Amino acid sequence: MNNAHIPILGFAAFSGTGKTTLLTKLIPLLKKSGLRIALIKHSHHNFEIDKPGKDSYRLREAGASPVMLVSSHRRAVITEFETIMEPKLDDQLKALDQSELDLILVEGFKAETFPKIELHRPSLNKPFIYPNDPTIIAIATDSHISIDDMPAHLDINDPQLVSEFILNIFLKSYND
């Protein structure tokens, strides 16, 4: 990605495969190793993080964009897009301050070109994304698979193994 100044790794899968479940277990393991991590999650829904009636909501509805909510605990920036179109990952990377980060994890954006781990559960009867996506560097699954020229094979139920792959294979190859 042109706007990624640090390693970026995606987790690509069909809905219901367990991307968020794996990431919630994986992120603490990666942080324990000292990594500073950001996550960009693609949503197919018109989500709302602000609440009707709140000052920030009223100011945004009045036309302010972006609106930044700040407290002693966190900051959120809400930006309304001028036109409704599918977001591009590269645009989101531009909006992310990468200066204090070591790794950007991405959930979704599976059609874009950047390194990804594919999550696959045969029980869901969904097709593999690999080999149609040459950016897949590993496949994490809950069963044995055999694919021609298969990239690394990981256990989707073993976040420690996935963490070790990211630390010892992916990040090392990025830095070489």
C-alpha atoms as a PDB file:
ATOM      1  CA  MET A   1       0.000   0.000   0.000  1.00  0.00           C
ATOM      2  CA  ASN A   2       1.385   3.375  -0.969  1.00  0.00           C
ATOM      3  CA  ASN A   3       0.261   5.035   2.235  1.00  0.00           C
ATOM      4  CA  ALA A   4       1.520   2.356   4.636  1.00  0.00           C
ATOM      5  CA  HIS A   5       4.870   3.392   6.066  1.00  0.00           C
ATOM      6  CA  ILE A   6       5.032   0.370   8.358  1.00  0.00           C
ATOM      7  CA  PRO A   7       4.081  -3.300   7.944  1.00  0.00           C
ATOM      8  CA  ILE A   8       0.431  -3.915   7.144  1.00  0.00           C
ATOM      9  CA  LEU A   9      -1.199  -7.336   7.405  1.00  0.00           C
ATOM     10  CA  GLY A  10      -4.764  -8.204   6.581  1.00  0.00           C
ATOM     11  CA  PHE A  11      -7.122 -10.934   7.715  1.00  0.00           C
ATOM     12  CA  ALA A  12      -9.399 -11.933   4.864  1.00  0.00           C
ATOM     13  CA  ALA A  13     -12.365 -14.274   5.062  1.00  0.00           C
ATOM     14  CA  PHE A  14     -16.043 -14.554   4.436  1.00  0.00           C
ATOM     15  CA  SER A  15     -18.414 -13.319   7.128  1.00  0.00           C
ATOM     16  CA  GLY A  16     -18.761 -15.676  10.084  1.00  0.00           C
ATOM     17  CA  THR A  17     -15.336 -17.272   9.703  1.00  0.00           C
ATOM     18  CA  GLY A  18     -13.943 -15.747  12.899  1.00  0.00           C
ATOM     19  CA  LYS A  19     -11.790 -12.762  11.890  1.00  0.00           C
ATOM     20  CA  THR A  20     -12.731 -10.650  14.905  1.00  0.00           C
ATOM     21  CA  THR A  21     -12.552 -13.624  17.273  1.00  0.00           C
ATOM     22  CA  LEU A  22      -9.009 -14.431  16.174  1.00  0.00           C
ATOM     23  CA  LEU A  23      -7.920 -10.783  16.223  1.00  0.00           C
ATOM     24  CA  THR A  24      -9.200 -10.226  19.777  1.00  0.00           C
ATOM     25  CA  LYS A  25      -6.988 -13.117  20.913  1.00  0.00           C
ATOM     26  CA  LEU A  26      -4.060 -12.245  18.662  1.00  0.00           C
ATOM     27  CA  ILE A  27      -3.701  -8.535  19.448  1.00  0.00           C
ATOM     28  CA  PRO A  28      -2.841  -9.012  23.166  1.00  0.00           C
ATOM     29  CA  LEU A  29      -0.176 -11.576  22.198  1.00  0.00           C
ATOM     30  CA  LEU A  30       1.398  -9.187  19.701  1.00  0.00           C
ATOM     31  CA  LYS A  31       1.227  -6.285  22.161  1.00  0.00           C
ATOM     32  CA  LYS A  32       2.921  -8.471  24.785  1.00  0.00           C
ATOM     33  CA  SER A  33       5.893  -8.711  22.419  1.00  0.00           C
ATOM     34  CA  GLY A  34       6.123  -4.914  22.458  1.00  0.00           C
ATOM     35  CA  LEU A  35       4.365  -4.072  19.202  1.00  0.00           C
ATOM     36  CA  ARG A  36       2.257  -0.939  18.915  1.00  0.00           C
ATOM     37  CA  ILE A  37      -0.719  -1.970  16.810  1.00  0.00           C
ATOM     38  CA  ALA A  38      -3.483  -0.188  14.935  1.00  0.00           C
ATOM     39  CA  LEU A  39      -6.440  -1.916  13.379  1.00  0.00           C
ATOM     40  CA  ILE A  40      -8.563  -0.842  10.444  1.00  0.00           C
ATOM     41  CA  LYS A  41     -11.851  -2.726  10.143  1.00  0.00           C
ATOM     42  CA  HIS A  42     -14.022  -2.596   7.057  1.00  0.00           C
ATOM     43  CA  SER A  43     -17.739  -2.513   7.740  1.00  0.00           C
ATOM     44  CA  HIS A  44     -20.394  -3.317   5.165  1.00  0.00           C
ATOM     45  CA  HIS A  45     -22.968  -1.511   7.258  1.00  0.00           C
ATOM     46  CA  ASN A  46     -23.949   2.111   7.767  1.00  0.00           C
ATOM     47  CA  PHE A  47     -22.683   2.102  11.335  1.00  0.00           C
ATOM     48  CA  GLU A  48     -23.188   4.891  13.874  1.00  0.00           C
ATOM     49  CA  ILE A  49     -20.818   5.472  16.767  1.00  0.00           C
ATOM     50  CA  ASP A  50     -22.336   8.763  17.819  1.00  0.00           C
ATOM     51  CA  LYS A  51     -25.683   9.071  19.600  1.00  0.00           C
ATOM     52  CA  PRO A  52     -28.641  11.192  18.508  1.00  0.00           C
ATOM     53  CA  GLY A  53     -29.180  14.046  20.926  1.00  0.00           C
ATOM     54  CA  LYS A  54     -25.504  14.308  21.976  1.00  0.00           C
ATOM     55  CA  ASP A  55     -23.729  17.582  21.211  1.00  0.00           C
ATOM     56  CA  SER A  56     -21.243  15.896  18.884  1.00  0.00           C
ATOM     57  CA  TYR A  57     -24.085  14.282  16.918  1.00  0.00           C
ATOM     58  CA  ARG A  58     -25.926  17.600  16.642  1.00  0.00           C
ATOM     59  CA  LEU A  59     -22.767  19.393  15.470  1.00  0.00           C
ATOM     60  CA  ARG A  60     -22.085  16.717  12.850  1.00  0.00           C
ATOM     61  CA  GLU A  61     -25.704  16.845  11.663  1.00  0.00           C
ATOM     62  CA  ALA A  62     -25.285  20.633  11.369  1.00  0.00           C
ATOM     63  CA  GLY A  63     -22.506  20.023   8.848  1.00  0.00           C
ATOM     64  CA  ALA A  64     -19.186  19.826  10.736  1.00  0.00           C
ATOM     65  CA  SER A  65     -16.921  17.138   9.322  1.00  0.00           C
ATOM     66  CA  PRO A  66     -14.781  15.798  10.763  1.00  0.00           C
ATOM     67  CA  VAL A  67     -15.955  15.968  14.358  1.00  0.00           C
ATOM     68  CA  MET A  68     -13.360  14.976  16.936  1.00  0.00           C
ATOM     69  CA  LEU A  69     -14.519  13.759  20.331  1.00  0.00           C
ATOM     70  CA  VAL A  70     -11.785  13.868  22.955  1.00  0.00           C
ATOM     71  CA  SER A  71     -11.673  12.834  26.603  1.00  0.00           C
ATOM     72  CA  SER A  72      -8.926  11.902  29.038  1.00  0.00           C
ATOM     73  CA  HIS A  73      -9.436   8.262  27.962  1.00  0.00           C
ATOM     74  CA  ARG A  74      -9.800   8.275  24.159  1.00  0.00           C
ATOM     75  CA  ARG A  75     -10.280  10.200  20.936  1.00  0.00           C
ATOM     76  CA  ALA A  76     -12.677   9.472  18.093  1.00  0.00           C
ATOM     77  CA  VAL A  77     -12.856  11.229  14.766  1.00  0.00           C
ATOM     78  CA  ILE A  78     -16.083  11.035  12.797  1.00  0.00           C
ATOM     79  CA  THR A  79     -15.858  12.053   9.162  1.00  0.00           C
ATOM     80  CA  GLU A  80     -18.846  12.113   6.845  1.00  0.00           C
ATOM     81  CA  PHE A  81     -18.017  11.121   3.271  1.00  0.00           C
ATOM     82  CA  GLU A  82     -19.276  13.503   0.591  1.00  0.00           C
ATOM     83  CA  THR A  83     -20.318  10.654  -1.698  1.00  0.00           C
ATOM     84  CA  ILE A  84     -21.389   7.134  -0.845  1.00  0.00           C
ATOM     85  CA  MET A  85     -18.859   4.728  -2.304  1.00  0.00           C
ATOM     86  CA  GLU A  86     -16.841   1.738  -1.198  1.00  0.00           C
ATOM     87  CA  PRO A  87     -13.930   2.955   0.967  1.00  0.00           C
ATOM     88  CA  LYS A  88     -10.375   2.309  -0.205  1.00  0.00           C
ATOM     89  CA  LEU A  89      -7.810   1.068   2.289  1.00  0.00           C
ATOM     90  CA  ASP A  90      -5.142   3.431   0.972  1.00  0.00           C
ATOM     91  CA  ASP A  91      -7.365   6.415   1.861  1.00  0.00           C
ATOM     92  CA  GLN A  92      -7.825   5.088   5.398  1.00  0.00           C
ATOM     93  CA  LEU A  93      -4.062   4.666   5.760  1.00  0.00           C
ATOM     94  CA  LYS A  94      -3.609   8.342   4.848  1.00  0.00           C
ATOM     95  CA  ALA A  95      -5.884   9.281   7.747  1.00  0.00           C
ATOM     96  CA  LEU A  96      -3.959   7.127  10.244  1.00  0.00           C
ATOM     97  CA  ASP A  97      -1.030   8.592  12.194  1.00  0.00           C
ATOM     98  CA  GLN A  98       1.542   5.840  11.757  1.00  0.00           C
ATOM     99  CA  SER A  99       4.381   7.597  13.586  1.00  0.00           C
ATOM    100  CA  GLU A 100       3.792   5.737  16.871  1.00  0.00           C
ATOM    101  CA  LEU A 101       2.953   2.337  15.372  1.00  0.00           C
ATOM    102  CA  ASP A 102       4.828  -0.848  14.489  1.00  0.00           C
ATOM    103  CA  LEU A 103       2.091  -2.797  12.717  1.00  0.00           C
ATOM    104  CA  ILE A 104      -1.272  -2.146  11.095  1.00  0.00           C
ATOM    105  CA  LEU A 105      -3.729  -5.031  11.111  1.00  0.00           C
ATOM    106  CA  VAL A 106      -6.649  -4.923   8.713  1.00  0.00           C
ATOM    107  CA  GLU A 107      -9.915  -6.808   8.962  1.00  0.00           C
ATOM    108  CA  GLY A 108     -11.620  -6.966   5.598  1.00  0.00           C
ATOM    109  CA  PHE A 109     -10.661  -5.105   2.408  1.00  0.00           C
ATOM    110  CA  LYS A 110     -10.034  -8.579   0.994  1.00  0.00           C
ATOM    111  CA  ALA A 111     -10.170  -7.405  -2.627  1.00  0.00           C
ATOM    112  CA  GLU A 112      -7.264  -4.979  -2.169  1.00  0.00           C
ATOM    113  CA  THR A 113      -3.595  -5.719  -2.750  1.00  0.00           C
ATOM    114  CA  PHE A 114      -1.560  -6.106   0.437  1.00  0.00           C
ATOM    115  CA  PRO A 115      -0.284  -9.099   2.466  1.00  0.00           C
ATOM    116  CA  LYS A 116      -3.084 -11.121   4.052  1.00  0.00           C
ATOM    117  CA  ILE A 117      -3.748 -14.216   6.092  1.00  0.00           C
ATOM    118  CA  GLU A 118      -6.813 -16.005   4.787  1.00  0.00           C
ATOM    119  CA  LEU A 119      -9.114 -17.538   7.392  1.00  0.00           C
ATOM    120  CA  HIS A 120     -11.064 -20.529   6.133  1.00  0.00           C
ATOM    121  CA  ARG A 121     -13.508 -22.960   7.738  1.00  0.00           C
ATOM    122  CA  PRO A 122     -14.580 -25.772   5.375  1.00  0.00           C
ATOM    123  CA  SER A 123     -17.766 -26.225   7.448  1.00  0.00           C
ATOM    124  CA  LEU A 124     -19.027 -22.856   6.099  1.00  0.00           C
ATOM    125  CA  ASN A 125     -18.914 -24.158   2.504  1.00  0.00           C
ATOM    126  CA  LYS A 126     -17.257 -21.002   1.189  1.00  0.00           C
ATOM    127  CA  PRO A 127     -14.570 -21.035  -1.494  1.00  0.00           C
ATOM    128  CA  PHE A 128     -10.931 -20.270  -0.813  1.00  0.00           C
ATOM    129  CA  ILE A 129      -9.749 -16.762  -1.612  1.00  0.00           C
ATOM    130  CA  TYR A 130      -6.314 -18.203  -2.409  1.00  0.00           C
ATOM    131  CA  PRO A 131      -4.977 -18.795  -5.126  1.00  0.00           C
ATOM    132  CA  ASN A 132      -7.080 -16.082  -6.803  1.00  0.00           C
ATOM    133  CA  ASP A 133      -5.394 -13.587  -4.478  1.00  0.00           C
ATOM    134  CA  PRO A 134      -1.595 -13.870  -4.736  1.00  0.00           C
ATOM    135  CA  THR A 135      -1.158 -11.602  -1.699  1.00  0.00           C
ATOM    136  CA  ILE A 136      -2.299 -14.404   0.654  1.00  0.00           C
ATOM    137  CA  ILE A 137       0.812 -15.332   2.647  1.00  0.00           C
ATOM    138  CA  ALA A 138      -0.827 -17.924   4.930  1.00  0.00           C
ATOM    139  CA  ILE A 139      -4.074 -19.805   5.374  1.00  0.00           C
ATOM    140  CA  ALA A 140      -5.440 -20.308   8.877  1.00  0.00           C
ATOM    141  CA  THR A 141      -8.027 -23.060   9.057  1.00  0.00           C
ATOM    142  CA  ASP A 142      -9.557 -25.541  11.477  1.00  0.00           C
ATOM    143  CA  SER A 143      -8.863 -28.597   9.314  1.00  0.00           C
ATOM    144  CA  HIS A 144      -6.260 -30.183   7.084  1.00  0.00           C
ATOM    145  CA  ILE A 145      -6.161 -28.691   3.601  1.00  0.00           C
ATOM    146  CA  SER A 146      -4.191 -29.471   0.505  1.00  0.00           C
ATOM    147  CA  ILE A 147      -3.807 -26.768  -2.115  1.00  0.00           C
ATOM    148  CA  ASP A 148      -1.221 -26.578  -4.894  1.00  0.00           C
ATOM    149  CA  ASP A 149       1.565 -24.127  -4.026  1.00  0.00           C
ATOM    150  CA  MET A 150      -0.154 -23.463  -0.697  1.00  0.00           C
ATOM    151  CA  PRO A 151       1.329 -20.708   1.433  1.00  0.00           C
ATOM    152  CA  ALA A 152       1.956 -21.271   5.148  1.00  0.00           C
ATOM    153  CA  HIS A 153      -0.727 -23.359   6.899  1.00  0.00           C
ATOM    154  CA  LEU A 154      -1.814 -22.144  10.358  1.00  0.00           C
ATOM    155  CA  ASP A 155      -4.344 -23.343  12.922  1.00  0.00           C
ATOM    156  CA  ILE A 156      -7.148 -20.765  13.170  1.00  0.00           C
ATOM    157  CA  ASN A 157      -7.757 -21.911  16.766  1.00  0.00           C
ATOM    158  CA  ASP A 158      -4.149 -21.301  17.855  1.00  0.00           C
ATOM    159  CA  PRO A 159      -3.601 -17.537  18.183  1.00  0.00           C
ATOM    160  CA  GLN A 160      -0.138 -18.172  19.689  1.00  0.00           C
ATOM    161  CA  LEU A 161       0.926 -19.948  16.481  1.00  0.00           C
ATOM    162  CA  VAL A 162      -0.488 -17.129  14.341  1.00  0.00           C
ATOM    163  CA  SER A 163       1.337 -14.592  16.541  1.00  0.00           C
ATOM    164  CA  GLU A 164       4.617 -16.471  16.115  1.00  0.00           C
ATOM    165  CA  PHE A 165       4.099 -16.538  12.347  1.00  0.00           C
ATOM    166  CA  ILE A 166       3.564 -12.767  12.294  1.00  0.00           C
ATOM    167  CA  LEU A 167       6.573 -12.068  14.526  1.00  0.00           C
ATOM    168  CA  ASN A 168       9.044 -14.630  13.161  1.00  0.00           C
ATOM    169  CA  ILE A 169       8.081 -14.854   9.489  1.00  0.00           C
ATOM    170  CA  PHE A 170       6.032 -11.858   8.340  1.00  0.00           C
ATOM    171  CA  LEU A 171       7.744  -9.039  10.267  1.00  0.00           C
ATOM    172  CA  LYS A 172      11.214 -10.507   9.775  1.00  0.00           C
ATOM    173  CA  SER A 173      10.671 -10.737   6.005  1.00  0.00           C
ATOM    174  CA  TYR A 174       9.322  -7.157   5.985  1.00  0.00           C
ATOM    175  CA  ASN A 175      12.463  -5.889   7.699  1.00  0.00           C
ATOM    176  CA  ASP A 176      14.883  -7.858   5.460  1.00  0.00           C
END
